[in-house]
Amino acid sequence: MDFKHVSVLLNECIEGLNIKEDGIYVDGTLGGGGHSLEILKNLSESGTLIGVDQDKDALKAAG
């Protein structure tokens, strides 16, 4: 099964988060991982991202 997802309001969400490189973030609707990927790009090794989703196909797609 192919999983296709387009991240909605990606730039607006990332700007609104004002991500701190050592912060802790939770993506409660991981989906295809688009928002999480952008959060990860802004984190240092001391930052943490937790991603969850109830859809098992979405979790597989996010890697």
PDB file of N, CA and C in Angstrom:
ATOM      1  N   MET A   1       0.834  -1.182   0.000  1.00  0.00           N
ATOM      2  CA  MET A   1       0.000   0.000   0.000  1.00  0.00           C
ATOM      3  C   MET A   1       0.881   1.248   0.000  1.00  0.00           C
ATOM      4  N   ASP A   2       0.669   2.124  -0.965  1.00  0.00           N
ATOM      5  CA  ASP A   2       1.409   3.382  -1.012  1.00  0.00           C
ATOM      6  C   ASP A   2       0.771   4.383  -0.067  1.00  0.00           C
ATOM      7  N   PHE A   3       1.606   5.111   0.642  1.00  0.00           N
ATOM      8  CA  PHE A   3       1.121   6.136   1.561  1.00  0.00           C
ATOM      9  C   PHE A   3       1.538   7.482   1.008  1.00  0.00           C
ATOM     10  N   LYS A   4       0.573   8.318   0.720  1.00  0.00           N
ATOM     11  CA  LYS A   4       0.873   9.647   0.194  1.00  0.00           C
ATOM     12  C   LYS A   4       0.343  10.685   1.165  1.00  0.00           C
ATOM     13  N   HIS A   5       1.160  11.691   1.422  1.00  0.00           N
ATOM     14  CA  HIS A   5       0.771  12.725   2.378  1.00  0.00           C
ATOM     15  C   HIS A   5       1.427  14.035   1.983  1.00  0.00           C
ATOM     16  N   VAL A   6       0.656  15.090   2.025  1.00  0.00           N
ATOM     17  CA  VAL A   6       1.183  16.430   1.785  1.00  0.00           C
ATOM     18  C   VAL A   6       1.073  17.195   3.096  1.00  0.00           C
ATOM     19  N   SER A   7       2.185  17.696   3.587  1.00  0.00           N
ATOM     20  CA  SER A   7       2.174  18.452   4.838  1.00  0.00           C
ATOM     21  C   SER A   7       1.465  19.786   4.622  1.00  0.00           C
ATOM     22  N   VAL A   8       0.469  20.054   5.444  1.00  0.00           N
ATOM     23  CA  VAL A   8      -0.326  21.272   5.336  1.00  0.00           C
ATOM     24  C   VAL A   8       0.248  22.343   6.261  1.00  0.00           C
ATOM     25  N   LEU A   9       0.360  23.561   5.759  1.00  0.00           N
ATOM     26  CA  LEU A   9       0.854  24.708   6.531  1.00  0.00           C
ATOM     27  C   LEU A   9       2.220  24.428   7.161  1.00  0.00           C
ATOM     28  N   LEU A  10       3.064  23.732   6.438  1.00  0.00           N
ATOM     29  CA  LEU A  10       4.369  23.324   6.965  1.00  0.00           C
ATOM     30  C   LEU A  10       5.202  24.511   7.434  1.00  0.00           C
ATOM     31  N   ASN A  11       5.418  25.475   6.574  1.00  0.00           N
ATOM     32  CA  ASN A  11       6.264  26.619   6.948  1.00  0.00           C
ATOM     33  C   ASN A  11       5.672  27.411   8.100  1.00  0.00           C
ATOM     34  N   GLU A  12       4.360  27.601   8.089  1.00  0.00           N
ATOM     35  CA  GLU A  12       3.706  28.349   9.161  1.00  0.00           C
ATOM     36  C   GLU A  12       3.854  27.638  10.504  1.00  0.00           C
ATOM     37  N   CYS A  13       3.728  26.321  10.492  1.00  0.00           N
ATOM     38  CA  CYS A  13       3.886  25.552  11.730  1.00  0.00           C
ATOM     39  C   CYS A  13       5.307  25.638  12.268  1.00  0.00           C
ATOM     40  N   ILE A  14       6.277  25.482  11.393  1.00  0.00           N
ATOM     41  CA  ILE A  14       7.677  25.517  11.819  1.00  0.00           C
ATOM     42  C   ILE A  14       8.034  26.899  12.360  1.00  0.00           C
ATOM     43  N   GLU A  15       7.594  27.942  11.681  1.00  0.00           N
ATOM     44  CA  GLU A  15       7.843  29.306  12.169  1.00  0.00           C
ATOM     45  C   GLU A  15       7.179  29.525  13.522  1.00  0.00           C
ATOM     46  N   GLY A  16       5.947  29.050  13.673  1.00  0.00           N
ATOM     47  CA  GLY A  16       5.208  29.241  14.914  1.00  0.00           C
ATOM     48  C   GLY A  16       5.797  28.493  16.096  1.00  0.00           C
ATOM     49  N   LEU A  17       6.480  27.397  15.833  1.00  0.00           N
ATOM     50  CA  LEU A  17       7.089  26.624  16.919  1.00  0.00           C
ATOM     51  C   LEU A  17       8.292  27.321  17.539  1.00  0.00           C
ATOM     52  N   ASN A  18       8.952  28.197  16.765  1.00  0.00           N
ATOM     53  CA  ASN A  18      10.158  28.863  17.274  1.00  0.00           C
ATOM     54  C   ASN A  18      11.089  27.822  17.914  1.00  0.00           C
ATOM     55  N   ILE A  19      11.493  26.862  17.123  1.00  0.00           N
ATOM     56  CA  ILE A  19      12.214  25.683  17.596  1.00  0.00           C
ATOM     57  C   ILE A  19      13.547  26.043  18.247  1.00  0.00           C
ATOM     58  N   LYS A  20      13.736  25.498  19.440  1.00  0.00           N
ATOM     59  CA  LYS A  20      15.013  25.620  20.150  1.00  0.00           C
ATOM     60  C   LYS A  20      15.811  24.364  19.839  1.00  0.00           C
ATOM     61  N   GLU A  21      17.083  24.525  19.508  1.00  0.00           N
ATOM     62  CA  GLU A  21      17.870  23.377  19.044  1.00  0.00           C
ATOM     63  C   GLU A  21      18.009  22.268  20.076  1.00  0.00           C
ATOM     64  N   ASP A  22      17.835  22.582  21.370  1.00  0.00           N
ATOM     65  CA  ASP A  22      17.929  21.559  22.408  1.00  0.00           C
ATOM     66  C   ASP A  22      16.563  21.266  23.034  1.00  0.00           C
ATOM     67  N   GLY A  23      15.498  21.660  22.345  1.00  0.00           N
ATOM     68  CA  GLY A  23      14.149  21.486  22.871  1.00  0.00           C
ATOM     69  C   GLY A  23      13.628  20.067  22.748  1.00  0.00           C
ATOM     70  N   ILE A  24      12.468  19.865  23.343  1.00  0.00           N
ATOM     71  CA  ILE A  24      11.770  18.586  23.278  1.00  0.00           C
ATOM     72  C   ILE A  24      10.437  18.840  22.580  1.00  0.00           C
ATOM     73  N   TYR A  25      10.156  18.065  21.529  1.00  0.00           N
ATOM     74  CA  TYR A  25       8.957  18.268  20.716  1.00  0.00           C
ATOM     75  C   TYR A  25       8.240  16.948  20.504  1.00  0.00           C
ATOM     76  N   VAL A  26       6.905  17.018  20.418  1.00  0.00           N
ATOM     77  CA  VAL A  26       6.077  15.844  20.170  1.00  0.00           C
ATOM     78  C   VAL A  26       5.207  16.126  18.952  1.00  0.00           C
ATOM     79  N   ASP A  27       5.265  15.235  17.970  1.00  0.00           N
ATOM     80  CA  ASP A  27       4.377  15.299  16.815  1.00  0.00           C
ATOM     81  C   ASP A  27       3.334  14.208  17.023  1.00  0.00           C
ATOM     82  N   GLY A  28       2.141  14.595  17.444  1.00  0.00           N
ATOM     83  CA  GLY A  28       1.083  13.652  17.780  1.00  0.00           C
ATOM     84  C   GLY A  28       0.311  13.121  16.590  1.00  0.00           C
ATOM     85  N   THR A  29       0.583  13.675  15.421  1.00  0.00           N
ATOM     86  CA  THR A  29      -0.033  13.200  14.178  1.00  0.00           C
ATOM     87  C   THR A  29       1.074  13.053  13.145  1.00  0.00           C
ATOM     88  N   LEU A  30       1.947  12.110  13.381  1.00  0.00           N
ATOM     89  CA  LEU A  30       3.168  11.954  12.591  1.00  0.00           C
ATOM     90  C   LEU A  30       2.913  11.879  11.096  1.00  0.00           C
ATOM     91  N   GLY A  31       1.873  11.160  10.695  1.00  0.00           N
ATOM     92  CA  GLY A  31       1.541  11.078   9.267  1.00  0.00           C
ATOM     93  C   GLY A  31       2.733  10.654   8.435  1.00  0.00           C
ATOM     94  N   GLY A  32       3.013  11.384   7.357  1.00  0.00           N
ATOM     95  CA  GLY A  32       4.134  11.064   6.485  1.00  0.00           C
ATOM     96  C   GLY A  32       5.459  11.597   6.974  1.00  0.00           C
ATOM     97  N   GLY A  33       5.478  12.256   8.104  1.00  0.00           N
ATOM     98  CA  GLY A  33       6.722  12.720   8.702  1.00  0.00           C
ATOM     99  C   GLY A  33       7.210  14.072   8.214  1.00  0.00           C
ATOM    100  N   GLY A  34       6.419  14.783   7.421  1.00  0.00           N
ATOM    101  CA  GLY A  34       6.860  16.060   6.858  1.00  0.00           C
ATOM    102  C   GLY A  34       7.183  17.112   7.902  1.00  0.00           C
ATOM    103  N   HIS A  35       6.283  17.301   8.871  1.00  0.00           N
ATOM    104  CA  HIS A  35       6.532  18.290   9.914  1.00  0.00           C
ATOM    105  C   HIS A  35       7.693  17.838  10.800  1.00  0.00           C
ATOM    106  N   SER A  36       7.711  16.558  11.133  1.00  0.00           N
ATOM    107  CA  SER A  36       8.784  16.034  11.982  1.00  0.00           C
ATOM    108  C   SER A  36      10.150  16.190  11.333  1.00  0.00           C
ATOM    109  N   LEU A  37      10.228  15.954  10.047  1.00  0.00           N
ATOM    110  CA  LEU A  37      11.499  16.110   9.342  1.00  0.00           C
ATOM    111  C   LEU A  37      12.009  17.543   9.460  1.00  0.00           C
ATOM    112  N   GLU A  38      11.123  18.507   9.297  1.00  0.00           N
ATOM    113  CA  GLU A  38      11.529  19.910   9.405  1.00  0.00           C
ATOM    114  C   GLU A  38      11.931  20.265  10.828  1.00  0.00           C
ATOM    115  N   ILE A  39      11.241  19.703  11.816  1.00  0.00           N
ATOM    116  CA  ILE A  39      11.629  19.927  13.211  1.00  0.00           C
ATOM    117  C   ILE A  39      13.026  19.360  13.441  1.00  0.00           C
ATOM    118  N   LEU A  40      13.260  18.133  12.969  1.00  0.00           N
ATOM    119  CA  LEU A  40      14.568  17.494  13.148  1.00  0.00           C
ATOM    120  C   LEU A  40      15.698  18.306  12.530  1.00  0.00           C
ATOM    121  N   LYS A  41      15.436  18.942  11.408  1.00  0.00           N
ATOM    122  CA  LYS A  41      16.457  19.763  10.747  1.00  0.00           C
ATOM    123  C   LYS A  41      16.911  20.919  11.627  1.00  0.00           C
ATOM    124  N   ASN A  42      16.066  21.313  12.584  1.00  0.00           N
ATOM    125  CA  ASN A  42      16.371  22.447  13.451  1.00  0.00           C
ATOM    126  C   ASN A  42      16.877  22.036  14.829  1.00  0.00           C
ATOM    127  N   LEU A  43      16.965  20.737  15.090  1.00  0.00           N
ATOM    128  CA  LEU A  43      17.415  20.261  16.398  1.00  0.00           C
ATOM    129  C   LEU A  43      18.893  19.893  16.373  1.00  0.00           C
ATOM    130  N   SER A  44      19.544  20.098  17.501  1.00  0.00           N
ATOM    131  CA  SER A  44      20.911  19.609  17.665  1.00  0.00           C
ATOM    132  C   SER A  44      20.827  18.183  18.212  1.00  0.00           C
ATOM    133  N   GLU A  45      21.986  17.590  18.478  1.00  0.00           N
ATOM    134  CA  GLU A  45      22.003  16.232  19.036  1.00  0.00           C
ATOM    135  C   GLU A  45      21.369  16.173  20.418  1.00  0.00           C
ATOM    136  N   SER A  46      21.284  17.301  21.112  1.00  0.00           N
ATOM    137  CA  SER A  46      20.679  17.301  22.442  1.00  0.00           C
ATOM    138  C   SER A  46      19.171  17.548  22.395  1.00  0.00           C
ATOM    139  N   GLY A  47      18.629  17.824  21.220  1.00  0.00           N
ATOM    140  CA  GLY A  47      17.187  17.997  21.066  1.00  0.00           C
ATOM    141  C   GLY A  47      16.491  16.654  20.935  1.00  0.00           C
ATOM    142  N   THR A  48      15.186  16.652  21.212  1.00  0.00           N
ATOM    143  CA  THR A  48      14.410  15.417  21.175  1.00  0.00           C
ATOM    144  C   THR A  48      13.115  15.626  20.405  1.00  0.00           C
ATOM    145  N   LEU A  49      12.785  14.665  19.558  1.00  0.00           N
ATOM    146  CA  LEU A  49      11.507  14.653  18.864  1.00  0.00           C
ATOM    147  C   LEU A  49      10.861  13.293  19.076  1.00  0.00           C
ATOM    148  N   ILE A  50       9.617  13.305  19.526  1.00  0.00           N
ATOM    149  CA  ILE A  50       8.839  12.084  19.706  1.00  0.00           C
ATOM    150  C   ILE A  50       7.696  12.142  18.700  1.00  0.00           C
ATOM    151  N   GLY A  51       7.570  11.111  17.871  1.00  0.00           N
ATOM    152  CA  GLY A  51       6.506  11.072  16.878  1.00  0.00           C
ATOM    153  C   GLY A  51       5.583   9.896  17.114  1.00  0.00           C
ATOM    154  N   VAL A  52       4.278  10.164  17.155  1.00  0.00           N
ATOM    155  CA  VAL A  52       3.284   9.107  17.338  1.00  0.00           C
ATOM    156  C   VAL A  52       2.161   9.282  16.317  1.00  0.00           C
ATOM    157  N   ASP A  53       1.517   8.178  15.981  1.00  0.00           N
ATOM    158  CA  ASP A  53       0.364   8.212  15.087  1.00  0.00           C
ATOM    159  C   ASP A  53      -0.402   6.919  15.288  1.00  0.00           C
ATOM    160  N   GLN A  54      -1.716   6.972  15.248  1.00  0.00           N
ATOM    161  CA  GLN A  54      -2.513   5.751  15.420  1.00  0.00           C
ATOM    162  C   GLN A  54      -2.556   4.906  14.159  1.00  0.00           C
ATOM    163  N   ASP A  55      -2.167   5.486  13.022  1.00  0.00           N
ATOM    164  CA  ASP A  55      -2.205   4.791  11.735  1.00  0.00           C
ATOM    165  C   ASP A  55      -0.875   4.072  11.505  1.00  0.00           C
ATOM    166  N   LYS A  56      -0.886   2.749  11.535  1.00  0.00           N
ATOM    167  CA  LYS A  56       0.347   1.971  11.380  1.00  0.00           C
ATOM    168  C   LYS A  56       1.001   2.198  10.022  1.00  0.00           C
ATOM    169  N   ASP A  57       0.199   2.412   8.974  1.00  0.00           N
ATOM    170  CA  ASP A  57       0.765   2.693   7.652  1.00  0.00           C
ATOM    171  C   ASP A  57       1.505   4.026   7.653  1.00  0.00           C
ATOM    172  N   ALA A  58       0.976   4.996   8.384  1.00  0.00           N
ATOM    173  CA  ALA A  58       1.641   6.297   8.485  1.00  0.00           C
ATOM    174  C   ALA A  58       2.978   6.164   9.196  1.00  0.00           C
ATOM    175  N   LEU A  59       3.025   5.366  10.240  1.00  0.00           N
ATOM    176  CA  LEU A  59       4.280   5.159  10.964  1.00  0.00           C
ATOM    177  C   LEU A  59       5.320   4.486  10.080  1.00  0.00           C
ATOM    178  N   LYS A  60       4.898   3.505   9.307  1.00  0.00           N
ATOM    179  CA  LYS A  60       5.826   2.836   8.392  1.00  0.00           C
ATOM    180  C   LYS A  60       6.348   3.813   7.348  1.00  0.00           C
ATOM    181  N   ALA A  61       5.471   4.663   6.830  1.00  0.00           N
ATOM    182  CA  ALA A  61       5.863   5.631   5.803  1.00  0.00           C
ATOM    183  C   ALA A  61       6.840   6.654   6.349  1.00  0.00           C
ATOM    184  N   ALA A  62       6.682   7.014   7.615  1.00  0.00           N
ATOM    185  CA  ALA A  62       7.562   8.009   8.228  1.00  0.00           C
ATOM    186  C   ALA A  62       8.948   7.437   8.488  1.00  0.00           C
ATOM    187  N   GLY A  63       9.061   6.128   8.521  1.00  0.00           N
ATOM    188  CA  GLY A  63      10.361   5.484   8.706  1.00  0.00           C
ATOM    189  C   GLY A  63      10.705   5.368  10.132  1.00  0.00           C
TER     190      GLY A  63
END
